[in-house]
Amino acid sequence: MTHHSGFVAIIGRPNVGKSTLVNALLGQKIAAVSPRPQTTRRRQLGILTLPTAQIVFVDTPGIHNARHKLGEFLNYEAEEALAGVDLILWLVDVASPPTEDDILIANLINSISLRTRRLLVLNKIDTIGADEVSARSEDYLDLLEQADESDDRIPNVMQISAAKRLGLGELLETLIQALPERPAEYPEEQITDAYERDIAADLLREACLIQLRDEVPHSLAVRVDEFKERENGMAYIAATIFVERESQKGIVIGEGGKMLKSIGSAARKQIEEMGGRKVFIELRVKVSKDWRNNQNALNQFGYIKRK
């Protein structure tokens, strides 16, 4: 029996559903998801092991026109993820025409050798009609350089809805066949390369984005200061939420601490589901002025370019 194995980089502009797709394909949550763009801030592996294949998904931050040092880091993380992968999966929101960010992504893909297979995946097909999907498919394909017609590595197109789990079985079969025949890279039981405390930090930030809505969109960072197991089997997490302005601190805490409690409660449920045990979370809020443009602060929060 043949066995296929390889790395698939999932790339796309912010908020097209990359992390939603990874979580859906793995059948469990390892990546933070929210309705807000730029929820993902680091590369993260999602490892799917099947009887005849192992697919290592590389979830990436959304590529966009950066306006601060954090944005530059996010783009760097996404671009670096493309190095040495077996396949590039370009995920697009089919409900909207190509944007300037999509053009940036297409140019990046075009700069990589055509020997690296690329797959265009149209997400959110449940939101528009079939005729519109077909037209949008052509719009996005026109941005990609085509391999020679005699080469079977010309860009393929697939249609899915990650949120509704439509077309995911067909997508998996396509990915498996596109990957080389070789042994698995990771142990069968491993599903990600991220540490539990790092995932917990992302889930805390996800809770902030969802609970705070538009009041403090992306001006916050989360640092897990302590993560330890207690004798009773419960995990104890102490974390600090950083914002850029004093006025934002009050919003995060809320009247009588209600907002901070809501954030902690929402994150606790997600972290408990991930780890399969009870969790106690202690949160505090601090101001780190203009941290998204402060390299020392970025380093402190773990946004460090890997060599």
Protein backbone atom coordinates (compact mmCIF):
# COMPACT_ATOMS: atom_id res chain seq x y z
CA MET A 1 0.00 0.00 0.00
CA THR A 2 1.42 3.38 -0.98
CA HIS A 3 1.76 6.14 1.61
CA HIS A 4 1.71 9.86 0.79
CA SER A 5 3.20 12.51 3.05
CA GLY A 6 4.08 16.19 2.78
CA PHE A 7 3.64 19.80 3.76
CA VAL A 8 0.74 21.97 2.56
CA ALA A 9 1.00 25.72 3.18
CA ILE A 10 -2.40 27.41 3.48
CA ILE A 11 -2.07 31.01 2.36
CA GLY A 12 -4.61 33.77 1.89
CA ARG A 13 -5.55 37.28 2.91
CA PRO A 14 -6.92 37.94 6.41
CA ASN A 15 -10.26 36.44 7.39
CA VAL A 16 -10.77 34.06 4.45
CA GLY A 17 -11.06 31.03 6.75
CA LYS A 18 -7.58 29.48 6.90
CA SER A 19 -7.71 28.50 10.57
CA THR A 20 -11.34 27.41 10.23
CA LEU A 21 -10.26 25.09 7.42
CA VAL A 22 -7.37 23.60 9.41
CA ASN A 23 -9.58 22.98 12.45
CA ALA A 24 -12.28 21.39 10.25
CA LEU A 25 -9.84 19.08 8.46
CA LEU A 26 -8.24 17.96 11.73
CA GLY A 27 -11.61 17.47 13.40
CA GLN A 28 -10.54 19.45 16.46
CA LYS A 29 -9.53 22.95 17.36
CA ILE A 30 -5.85 23.87 17.43
CA ALA A 31 -6.04 27.37 15.93
CA ALA A 32 -7.80 30.51 17.12
CA VAL A 33 -10.76 31.65 15.03
CA SER A 34 -12.76 34.88 15.17
CA PRO A 35 -14.72 37.11 12.79
CA ARG A 36 -11.87 39.63 13.02
CA PRO A 37 -9.01 39.72 10.49
CA GLN A 38 -5.48 38.77 11.56
CA THR A 39 -6.59 36.38 14.31
CA THR A 40 -3.66 34.11 13.37
CA ARG A 41 -0.30 35.71 14.18
CA ARG A 42 2.15 32.81 13.87
CA ARG A 43 2.78 29.86 11.65
CA GLN A 44 1.35 26.69 13.17
CA LEU A 45 1.39 23.11 11.99
CA GLY A 46 -1.77 21.02 11.93
CA ILE A 47 -0.86 17.36 11.44
CA LEU A 48 -3.46 15.00 10.00
CA THR A 49 -2.46 11.33 10.05
CA LEU A 50 -4.56 8.90 8.02
CA PRO A 51 -4.01 5.18 7.27
CA THR A 52 -2.41 5.93 3.90
CA ALA A 53 -1.20 9.52 4.30
CA GLN A 54 0.05 12.25 6.58
CA ILE A 55 -0.74 15.85 5.63
CA VAL A 56 1.10 18.57 7.52
CA PHE A 57 -0.88 21.79 7.13
CA VAL A 58 1.01 25.04 7.67
CA ASP A 59 -1.52 27.62 8.90
CA THR A 60 -0.31 31.15 8.23
CA PRO A 61 -1.23 34.74 9.11
CA GLY A 62 -3.18 36.62 6.46
CA ILE A 63 -1.02 38.52 3.98
CA HIS A 64 -1.95 42.19 3.79
CA ASN A 65 -0.57 45.68 3.23
CA ALA A 66 1.31 46.13 6.52
CA ARG A 67 0.90 49.39 8.46
CA HIS A 68 3.10 48.60 11.47
CA LYS A 69 5.92 46.29 12.60
CA LEU A 70 3.46 43.63 13.74
CA GLY A 71 1.93 43.59 10.24
CA GLU A 72 5.40 43.22 8.74
CA PHE A 73 6.01 40.25 11.04
CA LEU A 74 2.72 38.61 10.03
CA ASN A 75 3.59 38.90 6.34
CA TYR A 76 7.08 37.53 7.04
CA GLU A 77 5.60 34.51 8.85
CA ALA A 78 3.29 33.77 5.93
CA GLU A 79 5.97 34.16 3.26
CA GLU A 80 8.47 32.01 5.16
CA ALA A 81 5.88 29.23 5.39
CA LEU A 82 6.08 28.71 1.63
CA ALA A 83 9.73 27.66 1.71
CA GLY A 84 10.18 23.97 1.02
CA VAL A 85 6.51 22.94 1.06
CA ASP A 86 5.13 20.35 -1.33
CA LEU A 87 1.96 22.26 -2.18
CA ILE A 88 0.62 25.79 -1.80
CA LEU A 89 -3.10 25.99 -1.06
CA TRP A 90 -4.34 29.49 -1.88
CA LEU A 91 -7.60 29.98 0.00
CA VAL A 92 -9.82 32.82 -1.20
CA ASP A 93 -13.18 34.23 -0.18
CA VAL A 94 -15.27 33.56 -3.29
CA ALA A 95 -17.93 35.99 -2.06
CA SER A 96 -15.70 38.94 -2.97
CA PRO A 97 -13.62 39.77 -6.08
CA PRO A 98 -9.81 39.79 -5.82
CA THR A 99 -8.46 42.61 -3.65
CA GLU A 100 -5.07 44.34 -3.54
CA ASP A 101 -4.06 41.81 -0.87
CA ASP A 102 -5.02 38.95 -3.20
CA ILE A 103 -2.83 40.45 -5.92
CA LEU A 104 0.07 40.58 -3.42
CA ILE A 105 -0.47 36.90 -2.65
CA ALA A 106 -0.71 35.90 -6.33
CA ASN A 107 2.56 37.74 -7.05
CA LEU A 108 4.20 35.90 -4.16
CA ILE A 109 2.98 32.54 -5.45
CA ASN A 110 4.11 33.44 -8.97
CA SER A 111 7.61 34.17 -7.63
CA ILE A 112 7.93 30.54 -6.57
CA SER A 113 8.95 27.84 -9.02
CA LEU A 114 6.11 26.20 -10.93
CA ARG A 115 7.56 22.90 -9.74
CA THR A 116 5.82 23.64 -6.43
CA ARG A 117 2.24 22.65 -7.06
CA ARG A 118 -0.43 25.22 -6.23
CA LEU A 119 -4.13 24.68 -5.61
CA LEU A 120 -6.72 27.47 -5.71
CA VAL A 121 -9.50 26.77 -3.20
CA LEU A 122 -12.66 28.87 -3.31
CA ASN A 123 -14.10 29.12 0.20
CA LYS A 124 -17.58 30.23 1.34
CA ILE A 125 -19.32 28.86 -1.77
CA ASP A 126 -22.54 28.65 0.26
CA THR A 127 -22.78 32.46 0.30
CA ILE A 128 -23.24 33.14 -3.46
CA GLY A 129 -24.78 31.51 -6.54
CA ALA A 130 -23.10 28.96 -8.81
CA ASP A 131 -22.73 31.44 -11.72
CA GLU A 132 -20.93 33.92 -9.49
CA VAL A 133 -18.63 31.18 -8.19
CA SER A 134 -17.63 30.30 -11.76
CA ALA A 135 -16.92 33.93 -12.66
CA ARG A 136 -14.90 34.53 -9.49
CA SER A 137 -12.91 31.38 -10.15
CA GLU A 138 -11.74 32.86 -13.46
CA ASP A 139 -10.92 36.19 -11.78
CA TYR A 140 -8.60 34.51 -9.30
CA LEU A 141 -7.07 32.06 -11.79
CA ASP A 142 -6.18 34.97 -14.08
CA LEU A 143 -3.83 36.22 -11.34
CA LEU A 144 -1.80 33.00 -11.30
CA GLU A 145 0.91 32.13 -13.80
CA GLN A 146 0.04 28.91 -15.60
CA ALA A 147 2.43 26.03 -15.99
CA ASP A 148 2.96 24.62 -19.46
CA GLU A 149 -0.24 22.95 -20.72
CA SER A 150 1.57 19.64 -21.11
CA ASP A 151 2.43 19.73 -17.38
CA ASP A 152 -0.15 18.29 -15.00
CA ARG A 153 0.90 20.82 -12.34
CA ILE A 154 -1.22 23.64 -13.76
CA PRO A 155 -3.30 25.32 -11.00
CA ASN A 156 -6.31 23.29 -9.93
CA VAL A 157 -9.47 24.81 -8.51
CA MET A 158 -11.70 23.37 -5.80
CA GLN A 159 -14.83 24.69 -4.11
CA ILE A 160 -15.54 24.36 -0.38
CA SER A 161 -17.24 25.87 2.62
CA ALA A 162 -14.93 25.32 5.58
CA ALA A 163 -17.54 26.55 8.07
CA LYS A 164 -20.24 24.27 6.65
CA ARG A 165 -17.77 21.43 5.98
CA LEU A 166 -18.76 21.22 2.31
CA GLY A 167 -16.28 19.68 -0.15
CA LEU A 168 -13.68 18.80 2.50
CA GLY A 169 -13.61 15.08 1.65
CA GLU A 170 -12.85 15.81 -2.01
CA LEU A 171 -10.24 18.36 -0.96
CA LEU A 172 -8.46 15.82 1.23
CA GLU A 173 -8.38 13.24 -1.57
CA THR A 174 -6.89 15.83 -3.94
CA LEU A 175 -4.23 16.82 -1.41
CA ILE A 176 -3.25 13.21 -0.74
CA GLN A 177 -2.79 12.46 -4.43
CA ALA A 178 -0.77 15.67 -4.90
CA LEU A 179 1.75 14.77 -2.20
CA PRO A 180 4.78 12.55 -2.82
CA GLU A 181 4.97 8.92 -1.80
CA ARG A 182 7.05 8.82 1.38
CA PRO A 183 6.81 7.84 5.07
CA ALA A 184 5.16 10.01 7.71
CA GLU A 185 7.19 12.89 9.14
CA TYR A 186 5.58 13.00 12.61
CA PRO A 187 4.32 10.45 15.16
CA GLU A 188 0.72 9.34 14.65
CA GLU A 189 -0.49 10.92 17.90
CA GLN A 190 0.98 14.40 17.23
CA ILE A 191 -1.50 16.97 15.87
CA THR A 192 0.47 20.23 16.10
CA ASP A 193 3.92 21.65 16.76
CA ALA A 194 2.60 24.35 19.13
CA TYR A 195 2.93 24.05 22.90
CA GLU A 196 -0.28 23.97 24.94
CA ARG A 197 0.55 27.28 26.63
CA ASP A 198 0.96 28.97 23.21
CA ILE A 199 -2.40 27.64 22.03
CA ALA A 200 -3.92 28.83 25.32
CA ALA A 201 -2.56 32.34 24.65
CA ASP A 202 -4.13 32.32 21.19
CA LEU A 203 -7.47 31.11 22.57
CA LEU A 204 -7.40 33.89 25.17
CA ARG A 205 -6.79 36.42 22.41
CA GLU A 206 -9.59 34.87 20.36
CA ALA A 207 -11.93 35.35 23.34
CA CYS A 208 -10.85 38.99 23.54
CA LEU A 209 -11.57 39.58 19.85
CA ILE A 210 -15.01 38.00 20.08
CA GLN A 211 -16.08 39.53 23.38
CA LEU A 212 -14.74 43.04 22.68
CA ARG A 213 -16.02 43.17 19.09
CA ASP A 214 -14.92 46.46 17.47
CA GLU A 215 -13.91 48.32 20.63
CA VAL A 216 -10.32 47.05 20.87
CA PRO A 217 -9.82 45.16 17.60
CA HIS A 218 -6.14 44.31 17.22
CA SER A 219 -4.47 46.55 19.76
CA LEU A 220 -4.03 43.75 22.26
CA ALA A 221 -1.56 40.96 22.87
CA VAL A 222 -1.70 38.09 25.35
CA ARG A 223 1.28 36.75 27.29
CA VAL A 224 0.93 33.58 29.36
CA ASP A 225 3.06 34.21 32.44
CA GLU A 226 2.47 30.89 34.16
CA PHE A 227 1.07 27.54 33.00
CA LYS A 228 1.31 24.65 35.42
CA GLU A 229 -0.47 21.50 36.49
CA ARG A 230 -1.84 21.34 40.01
CA GLU A 231 -2.00 18.20 42.13
CA ASN A 232 -5.76 17.90 41.66
CA GLY A 233 -5.29 17.60 37.89
CA MET A 234 -6.43 21.15 37.19
CA ALA A 235 -4.31 23.45 35.03
CA TYR A 236 -3.50 26.92 36.36
CA ILE A 237 -2.94 29.73 33.85
CA ALA A 238 -1.86 33.26 34.72
CA ALA A 239 -1.86 35.62 31.75
CA THR A 240 -1.50 39.32 30.98
CA ILE A 241 -3.53 41.12 28.32
CA PHE A 242 -1.62 44.08 26.88
CA VAL A 243 -3.29 47.05 25.19
CA GLU A 244 -1.82 50.18 23.64
CA ARG A 245 -3.74 52.92 25.48
CA GLU A 246 -5.02 53.54 28.99
CA SER A 247 -8.58 54.02 27.68
CA GLN A 248 -8.47 50.51 26.18
CA LYS A 249 -7.53 49.02 29.55
CA GLY A 250 -10.84 50.13 31.03
CA ILE A 251 -12.74 48.63 28.10
CA VAL A 252 -11.04 45.25 28.50
CA ILE A 253 -11.68 45.17 32.25
CA GLY A 254 -15.26 46.46 31.96
CA GLU A 255 -17.53 47.79 34.66
CA GLY A 256 -16.83 45.94 37.86
CA GLY A 257 -14.50 43.61 35.96
CA LYS A 258 -17.39 42.06 34.01
CA MET A 259 -15.71 42.10 30.61
CA LEU A 260 -12.51 40.53 31.91
CA LYS A 261 -14.56 37.79 33.57
CA SER A 262 -16.43 37.15 30.30
CA ILE A 263 -13.13 36.86 28.42
CA GLY A 264 -11.73 34.45 30.99
CA SER A 265 -14.90 32.34 31.01
CA ALA A 266 -15.05 32.06 27.20
CA ALA A 267 -11.36 31.16 26.95
CA ARG A 268 -11.58 28.66 29.81
CA LYS A 269 -14.24 26.63 28.00
CA GLN A 270 -12.11 26.42 24.85
CA ILE A 271 -8.92 25.53 26.74
CA GLU A 272 -10.68 22.88 28.81
CA GLU A 273 -12.08 21.31 25.65
CA MET A 274 -8.62 21.31 24.11
CA GLY A 275 -6.84 19.79 27.13
CA GLY A 276 -9.59 17.58 28.50
CA ARG A 277 -9.24 18.89 32.07
CA LYS A 278 -10.43 21.71 34.30
CA VAL A 279 -8.64 25.05 34.01
CA PHE A 280 -8.34 28.02 36.36
CA ILE A 281 -7.42 31.31 34.64
CA GLU A 282 -6.14 34.45 36.34
CA LEU A 283 -6.02 37.54 34.10
CA ARG A 284 -4.64 41.04 34.43
CA VAL A 285 -4.46 43.95 32.00
CA LYS A 286 -1.50 46.24 31.33
CA VAL A 287 -0.71 49.09 28.93
CA SER A 288 2.24 48.78 26.53
CA LYS A 289 2.12 51.99 24.52
CA ASP A 290 2.21 51.51 20.73
CA TRP A 291 3.48 47.94 21.17
CA ARG A 292 2.72 46.97 17.55
CA ASN A 293 5.49 49.33 16.41
CA ASN A 294 7.88 48.54 19.27
CA GLN A 295 10.35 45.79 18.38
CA ASN A 296 11.27 45.11 22.01
CA ALA A 297 7.60 44.60 22.86
CA LEU A 298 7.13 42.37 19.82
CA ASN A 299 10.07 40.25 20.96
CA GLN A 300 8.58 40.04 24.46
CA PHE A 301 5.30 38.74 23.04
CA GLY A 302 7.08 36.14 20.92
CA TYR A 303 6.75 37.82 17.52
CA ILE A 304 10.34 37.07 16.58
CA LYS A 305 11.53 36.34 13.04
CA ARG A 306 12.98 32.86 12.90
CA LYS A 307 16.34 32.44 11.22
